[in-house]
Each structure stands twice: as C-alpha cells, then as structure tokens.
C-alpha cells in the first residue's frame, strides 16, 4: 500500500514559511482539486494519478520518495 506523507510536508512548509498553509492554498497553487488533496491527506490507501504526484513534488520542492512511501499491509 502507498502511504502519502502529505500532512508531514504541509507541516514542514508551514514551519519553514512561518505561516499557515491550507489544503485550499495547495489546491489553488497546484490546480489539484481540493477534495482530491483531502483524500490524499486523510484516506488510508488513497489512489491518485501520477500528474498529481508530480504537481505536489513541484509545489513542495521534494522527491517522490519524500511524498510517497510503500508500506506492507
């Protein structure tokens, strides 16, 4: 199963930028639907397209492995 580390990256961005960053902020900046981001953040085993992973990596300035981790079920 793939585990998204979206919430961790969001918290790190907030800390580094010194301001609150909401899912809505990320949605506006990336063009990813807010509901999709909410599922990535909160739904265990969420599935998404690679384009979204690409956009999130660009937004956070990270590698795929910083965003997604494989864990055995």
Protein backbone atom coordinates (compact mmCIF):
# COMPACT_ATOMS: atom_id res chain seq x y z
CA UNK A 1 0.00 0.00 0.00
CA UNK A 2 1.20 3.52 -0.69
CA UNK A 3 1.29 5.96 2.20
CA UNK A 4 1.24 9.68 1.42
CA UNK A 5 3.31 11.95 3.64
CA UNK A 6 1.30 14.98 2.54
CA UNK A 7 0.46 16.17 6.06
CA UNK A 8 4.13 16.00 7.08
CA UNK A 9 5.21 18.04 4.07
CA UNK A 10 2.43 20.53 4.73
CA UNK A 11 3.56 20.96 8.35
CA UNK A 12 7.19 21.39 7.26
CA UNK A 13 6.17 24.02 4.69
CA UNK A 14 4.18 25.90 7.33
CA UNK A 15 7.15 25.83 9.70
CA UNK A 16 9.64 26.93 7.03
CA UNK A 17 7.40 29.66 5.60
CA UNK A 18 6.25 30.85 9.03
CA UNK A 19 2.60 30.90 8.02
CA UNK A 20 -0.41 28.61 7.84
CA UNK A 21 -0.77 26.67 4.59
CA UNK A 22 -4.18 25.11 4.00
CA UNK A 23 -5.32 22.41 1.63
CA UNK A 24 -7.17 25.15 -0.25
CA UNK A 25 -3.88 27.04 -0.67
CA UNK A 26 -2.23 23.93 -2.11
CA UNK A 27 -5.23 23.32 -4.39
CA UNK A 28 -5.03 26.85 -5.79
CA UNK A 29 -1.26 26.66 -6.29
CA UNK A 30 -1.24 23.22 -7.93
CA UNK A 31 -4.58 23.03 -9.72
CA UNK A 32 -5.38 19.78 -7.89
CA UNK A 33 -8.98 19.51 -6.72
CA UNK A 34 -9.33 20.28 -3.01
CA UNK A 35 -11.32 17.08 -2.42
CA UNK A 36 -8.52 15.03 -4.02
CA UNK A 37 -5.98 16.65 -1.69
CA UNK A 38 -8.24 15.98 1.28
CA UNK A 39 -8.40 12.29 0.32
CA UNK A 40 -4.61 12.16 -0.09
CA UNK A 41 -4.24 13.72 3.36
CA UNK A 42 -6.84 11.66 5.21
CA UNK A 43 -7.79 8.44 3.41
CA UNK A 44 -5.66 5.38 4.06
CA UNK A 45 -4.69 3.72 0.78
CA UNK A 46 -5.83 6.66 -1.35
CA UNK A 47 -5.13 6.35 -5.06
CA UNK A 48 -4.26 9.27 -7.33
CA UNK A 49 -2.82 9.90 -10.78
CA UNK A 50 0.89 10.47 -11.33
CA UNK A 51 0.21 14.00 -12.56
CA UNK A 52 -0.94 14.91 -9.04
CA UNK A 53 2.19 13.41 -7.53
CA UNK A 54 4.27 15.43 -9.99
CA UNK A 55 2.46 18.66 -9.11
CA UNK A 56 2.81 18.05 -5.37
CA UNK A 57 6.53 17.31 -5.69
CA UNK A 58 6.97 20.56 -7.63
CA UNK A 59 4.95 22.50 -5.04
CA UNK A 60 6.87 21.14 -2.05
CA UNK A 61 10.20 21.02 -3.90
CA UNK A 62 10.66 17.38 -2.97
CA UNK A 63 11.34 13.95 -4.43
CA UNK A 64 8.61 11.34 -4.90
CA UNK A 65 10.07 9.35 -2.00
CA UNK A 66 9.53 12.38 0.25
CA UNK A 67 5.83 12.35 -0.63
CA UNK A 68 5.00 8.66 -1.07
CA UNK A 69 6.19 5.64 0.91
CA UNK A 70 5.47 1.95 0.32
CA UNK A 71 4.27 0.07 3.41
CA UNK A 72 3.26 -3.56 3.55
CA UNK A 73 -0.31 -4.21 4.54
